[in-house]
Amino acid sequence: MIKARLSADIPENRFSSFNGRLPKIGDLVVIDQGFTFPDEKAGCLVYFQNSGGDFEYEAKVYETELGKNERIV
């Protein structure tokens, strides 16, 4: 599983919360799949997973809004 930390605030129109949790800088998110935004910049779909294993939100983020990737086993 590959994760990275959010390094920027994510606008409301690019995330969906499953339980009211909002994305915040420093969250360790699971990277799911890459895609290209309409402005032709690289992005990816990410999920925040809590310590209990539940997903709390999903977000579409630019690669520049993520820190260094971390491989988590």
C-alpha atoms as a PDB file:
ATOM      1  CA  MET A   1       0.000   0.000   0.000  1.00  0.00           C
ATOM      2  CA  ILE A   2       1.379   3.424  -0.907  1.00  0.00           C
ATOM      3  CA  LYS A   3       0.576   6.416   1.259  1.00  0.00           C
ATOM      4  CA  ALA A   4       1.584  10.074   1.314  1.00  0.00           C
ATOM      5  CA  ARG A   5       0.877  13.090   3.509  1.00  0.00           C
ATOM      6  CA  LEU A   6      -1.355  15.912   2.341  1.00  0.00           C
ATOM      7  CA  SER A   7       0.749  19.038   1.973  1.00  0.00           C
ATOM      8  CA  ALA A   8      -2.028  21.453   0.956  1.00  0.00           C
ATOM      9  CA  ASP A   9      -5.624  22.303   1.807  1.00  0.00           C
ATOM     10  CA  ILE A  10      -8.088  20.477  -0.467  1.00  0.00           C
ATOM     11  CA  PRO A  11     -11.077  22.518  -1.725  1.00  0.00           C
ATOM     12  CA  GLU A  12     -14.576  21.254  -0.862  1.00  0.00           C
ATOM     13  CA  ASN A  13     -15.395  20.486  -4.490  1.00  0.00           C
ATOM     14  CA  ARG A  14     -12.615  17.852  -4.611  1.00  0.00           C
ATOM     15  CA  PHE A  15     -13.436  15.645  -1.624  1.00  0.00           C
ATOM     16  CA  SER A  16     -16.291  13.626  -0.172  1.00  0.00           C
ATOM     17  CA  SER A  17     -16.470  12.907   3.542  1.00  0.00           C
ATOM     18  CA  PHE A  18     -18.012   9.636   4.677  1.00  0.00           C
ATOM     19  CA  ASN A  19     -18.470  10.702   8.311  1.00  0.00           C
ATOM     20  CA  GLY A  20     -17.891  14.459   8.548  1.00  0.00           C
ATOM     21  CA  ARG A  21     -14.092  14.375   8.705  1.00  0.00           C
ATOM     22  CA  LEU A  22     -12.417  17.024   6.568  1.00  0.00           C
ATOM     23  CA  PRO A  23      -9.018  16.655   4.884  1.00  0.00           C
ATOM     24  CA  LYS A  24      -6.235  18.522   6.660  1.00  0.00           C
ATOM     25  CA  ILE A  25      -2.579  19.136   5.966  1.00  0.00           C
ATOM     26  CA  GLY A  26      -0.505  16.291   7.391  1.00  0.00           C
ATOM     27  CA  ASP A  27      -3.126  13.545   6.942  1.00  0.00           C
ATOM     28  CA  LEU A  28      -1.555  10.275   5.817  1.00  0.00           C
ATOM     29  CA  VAL A  29      -3.682   9.168   2.852  1.00  0.00           C
ATOM     30  CA  VAL A  30      -3.815   5.975   0.792  1.00  0.00           C
ATOM     31  CA  ILE A  31      -3.053   6.601  -2.885  1.00  0.00           C
ATOM     32  CA  ASP A  32      -5.520   4.719  -5.083  1.00  0.00           C
ATOM     33  CA  GLN A  33      -5.228   5.669  -8.759  1.00  0.00           C
ATOM     34  CA  GLY A  34      -3.713   8.355 -10.909  1.00  0.00           C
ATOM     35  CA  PHE A  35      -5.463  10.495 -13.509  1.00  0.00           C
ATOM     36  CA  THR A  36      -5.109  13.799 -15.343  1.00  0.00           C
ATOM     37  CA  PHE A  37      -7.147  16.838 -14.277  1.00  0.00           C
ATOM     38  CA  PRO A  38      -8.914  18.907 -16.998  1.00  0.00           C
ATOM     39  CA  ASP A  39      -6.028  21.417 -16.760  1.00  0.00           C
ATOM     40  CA  GLU A  40      -3.744  18.522 -17.861  1.00  0.00           C
ATOM     41  CA  LYS A  41      -1.908  18.352 -14.511  1.00  0.00           C
ATOM     42  CA  ALA A  42      -1.282  14.998 -12.782  1.00  0.00           C
ATOM     43  CA  GLY A  43      -3.620  13.992  -9.983  1.00  0.00           C
ATOM     44  CA  CYS A  44      -4.697  10.979  -7.989  1.00  0.00           C
ATOM     45  CA  LEU A  45      -7.598   9.666  -5.972  1.00  0.00           C
ATOM     46  CA  VAL A  46      -6.738   9.264  -2.295  1.00  0.00           C
ATOM     47  CA  TYR A  47      -8.500   7.958   0.805  1.00  0.00           C
ATOM     48  CA  PHE A  48      -7.990   8.700   4.484  1.00  0.00           C
ATOM     49  CA  GLN A  49      -8.099   5.533   6.599  1.00  0.00           C
ATOM     50  CA  ASN A  50      -8.377   5.788  10.384  1.00  0.00           C
ATOM     51  CA  SER A  51      -6.542   3.545  12.847  1.00  0.00           C
ATOM     52  CA  GLY A  52      -9.537   1.196  12.935  1.00  0.00           C
ATOM     53  CA  GLY A  53      -9.309   0.628   9.180  1.00  0.00           C
ATOM     54  CA  ASP A  54     -12.394   2.647   8.232  1.00  0.00           C
ATOM     55  CA  PHE A  55     -12.206   5.118   5.358  1.00  0.00           C
ATOM     56  CA  GLU A  56     -13.259   8.623   6.392  1.00  0.00           C
ATOM     57  CA  TYR A  57     -12.979  10.585   3.138  1.00  0.00           C
ATOM     58  CA  GLU A  58     -11.893  10.409  -0.460  1.00  0.00           C
ATOM     59  CA  ALA A  59     -10.299  13.264  -2.369  1.00  0.00           C
ATOM     60  CA  LYS A  60      -9.041  14.132  -5.820  1.00  0.00           C
ATOM     61  CA  VAL A  61      -5.665  15.781  -5.326  1.00  0.00           C
ATOM     62  CA  TYR A  62      -2.927  17.177  -7.512  1.00  0.00           C
ATOM     63  CA  GLU A  63       0.344  15.293  -7.127  1.00  0.00           C
ATOM     64  CA  THR A  64       1.873  18.591  -5.969  1.00  0.00           C
ATOM     65  CA  GLU A  65      -0.518  18.530  -2.976  1.00  0.00           C
ATOM     66  CA  LEU A  66       1.128  15.369  -1.638  1.00  0.00           C
ATOM     67  CA  GLY A  67       4.411  14.875   0.157  1.00  0.00           C
ATOM     68  CA  LYS A  68       6.849  12.038  -0.456  1.00  0.00           C
ATOM     69  CA  ASN A  69       5.268   8.601  -1.015  1.00  0.00           C
ATOM     70  CA  GLU A  70       5.676   6.085   1.797  1.00  0.00           C
ATOM     71  CA  ARG A  71       5.263   2.348   1.181  1.00  0.00           C
ATOM     72  CA  ILE A  72       3.308   0.862   4.088  1.00  0.00           C
ATOM     73  CA  VAL A  73       3.152  -2.916   4.465  1.00  0.00           C
END
